[in-house]
Amino acid sequence: EYLKPVFQSGTPEQILAAKKVLFKTLDVGLRLLSVFMPFITEELYQRLPRHKLAYPSICVSTYPNVAE
């Protein structure tokens, strides 16, 4: 809900920055929750857009560290 105004009326640079932050937040959040809810987080992880450094499964991905 917080990002809706940015996606609706933001500049292309703002929209791209918001997408990157949203993707990173979802990626790290799902990896944190995968210990407690492996099946749900795996399903959601598979629905995220892929990039060349992505892991094939959340089960084999690294656990987030402090820098992330």
C-alpha atoms as a PDB file:
ATOM      1  CA  GLU A   1       0.000   0.000   0.000  1.00  0.00           C
ATOM      2  CA  TYR A   2       2.852   2.340   0.823  1.00  0.00           C
ATOM      3  CA  LEU A   3       4.332   2.070  -2.677  1.00  0.00           C
ATOM      4  CA  LYS A   4       1.108   2.455  -4.666  1.00  0.00           C
ATOM      5  CA  PRO A   5       1.518   6.236  -5.124  1.00  0.00           C
ATOM      6  CA  VAL A   6       5.068   5.728  -6.370  1.00  0.00           C
ATOM      7  CA  PHE A   7       3.976   3.108  -8.909  1.00  0.00           C
ATOM      8  CA  GLN A   8       1.020   5.212 -10.062  1.00  0.00           C
ATOM      9  CA  SER A   9       2.611   8.637 -10.393  1.00  0.00           C
ATOM     10  CA  GLY A  10       6.341   8.347  -9.769  1.00  0.00           C
ATOM     11  CA  THR A  11       9.153   8.969 -12.211  1.00  0.00           C
ATOM     12  CA  PRO A  12      10.686   5.966 -13.979  1.00  0.00           C
ATOM     13  CA  GLU A  13      13.713   6.196 -11.669  1.00  0.00           C
ATOM     14  CA  GLN A  14      11.492   6.165  -8.566  1.00  0.00           C
ATOM     15  CA  ILE A  15       9.503   3.210  -9.879  1.00  0.00           C
ATOM     16  CA  LEU A  16      12.674   1.227 -10.615  1.00  0.00           C
ATOM     17  CA  ALA A  17      14.094   1.996  -7.163  1.00  0.00           C
ATOM     18  CA  ALA A  18      10.818   0.958  -5.500  1.00  0.00           C
ATOM     19  CA  LYS A  19      10.777  -2.327  -7.460  1.00  0.00           C
ATOM     20  CA  LYS A  20      14.346  -3.111  -6.410  1.00  0.00           C
ATOM     21  CA  VAL A  21      13.605  -2.426  -2.734  1.00  0.00           C
ATOM     22  CA  LEU A  22      10.399  -4.467  -2.852  1.00  0.00           C
ATOM     23  CA  PHE A  23      12.158  -7.411  -4.528  1.00  0.00           C
ATOM     24  CA  LYS A  24      15.047  -7.375  -2.046  1.00  0.00           C
ATOM     25  CA  THR A  25      12.650  -7.181   0.907  1.00  0.00           C
ATOM     26  CA  LEU A  26      10.593 -10.118  -0.366  1.00  0.00           C
ATOM     27  CA  ASP A  27      13.693 -12.168  -1.155  1.00  0.00           C
ATOM     28  CA  VAL A  28      15.293 -11.711   2.268  1.00  0.00           C
ATOM     29  CA  GLY A  29      11.971 -12.033   4.119  1.00  0.00           C
ATOM     30  CA  LEU A  30      11.115 -15.305   2.412  1.00  0.00           C
ATOM     31  CA  ARG A  31      14.567 -16.725   3.123  1.00  0.00           C
ATOM     32  CA  LEU A  32      14.168 -15.801   6.797  1.00  0.00           C
ATOM     33  CA  LEU A  33      10.740 -17.436   7.014  1.00  0.00           C
ATOM     34  CA  SER A  34      11.757 -20.559   5.093  1.00  0.00           C
ATOM     35  CA  VAL A  35      13.011 -22.180   8.300  1.00  0.00           C
ATOM     36  CA  PHE A  36       9.532 -22.024   9.838  1.00  0.00           C
ATOM     37  CA  MET A  37       7.293 -22.309   6.760  1.00  0.00           C
ATOM     38  CA  PRO A  38       9.242 -24.174   4.070  1.00  0.00           C
ATOM     39  CA  PHE A  39       6.397 -25.120   1.731  1.00  0.00           C
ATOM     40  CA  ILE A  40       4.678 -21.732   1.608  1.00  0.00           C
ATOM     41  CA  THR A  41       7.927 -19.808   1.220  1.00  0.00           C
ATOM     42  CA  GLU A  42       9.107 -22.159  -1.541  1.00  0.00           C
ATOM     43  CA  GLU A  43       5.904 -21.566  -3.487  1.00  0.00           C
ATOM     44  CA  LEU A  44       6.213 -17.788  -3.138  1.00  0.00           C
ATOM     45  CA  TYR A  45       9.952 -17.856  -3.916  1.00  0.00           C
ATOM     46  CA  GLN A  46       9.288 -19.702  -7.171  1.00  0.00           C
ATOM     47  CA  ARG A  47       6.891 -16.937  -8.205  1.00  0.00           C
ATOM     48  CA  LEU A  48       9.482 -14.162  -7.802  1.00  0.00           C
ATOM     49  CA  PRO A  49      11.086 -12.898 -11.007  1.00  0.00           C
ATOM     50  CA  ARG A  50      14.389 -14.675 -11.649  1.00  0.00           C
ATOM     51  CA  HIS A  51      17.760 -13.127 -12.235  1.00  0.00           C
ATOM     52  CA  LYS A  52      20.992 -14.849 -13.205  1.00  0.00           C
ATOM     53  CA  LEU A  53      22.266 -15.149  -9.619  1.00  0.00           C
ATOM     54  CA  ALA A  54      19.067 -16.674  -8.237  1.00  0.00           C
ATOM     55  CA  TYR A  55      19.047 -20.060  -6.560  1.00  0.00           C
ATOM     56  CA  PRO A  56      16.834 -22.756  -8.103  1.00  0.00           C
ATOM     57  CA  SER A  57      15.107 -23.317  -4.760  1.00  0.00           C
ATOM     58  CA  ILE A  58      14.815 -21.485  -1.471  1.00  0.00           C
ATOM     59  CA  CYS A  59      16.006 -24.696   0.214  1.00  0.00           C
ATOM     60  CA  VAL A  60      19.476 -24.325  -1.305  1.00  0.00           C
ATOM     61  CA  SER A  61      19.722 -20.547  -0.992  1.00  0.00           C
ATOM     62  CA  THR A  62      21.939 -18.988   1.625  1.00  0.00           C
ATOM     63  CA  TYR A  63      20.474 -17.723   4.872  1.00  0.00           C
ATOM     64  CA  PRO A  64      20.479 -13.892   4.939  1.00  0.00           C
ATOM     65  CA  ASN A  65      23.328 -12.230   6.781  1.00  0.00           C
ATOM     66  CA  VAL A  66      23.530  -8.847   8.492  1.00  0.00           C
ATOM     67  CA  ALA A  67      24.708  -7.060   5.335  1.00  0.00           C
ATOM     68  CA  GLU A  68      21.511  -7.991   3.499  1.00  0.00           C
END
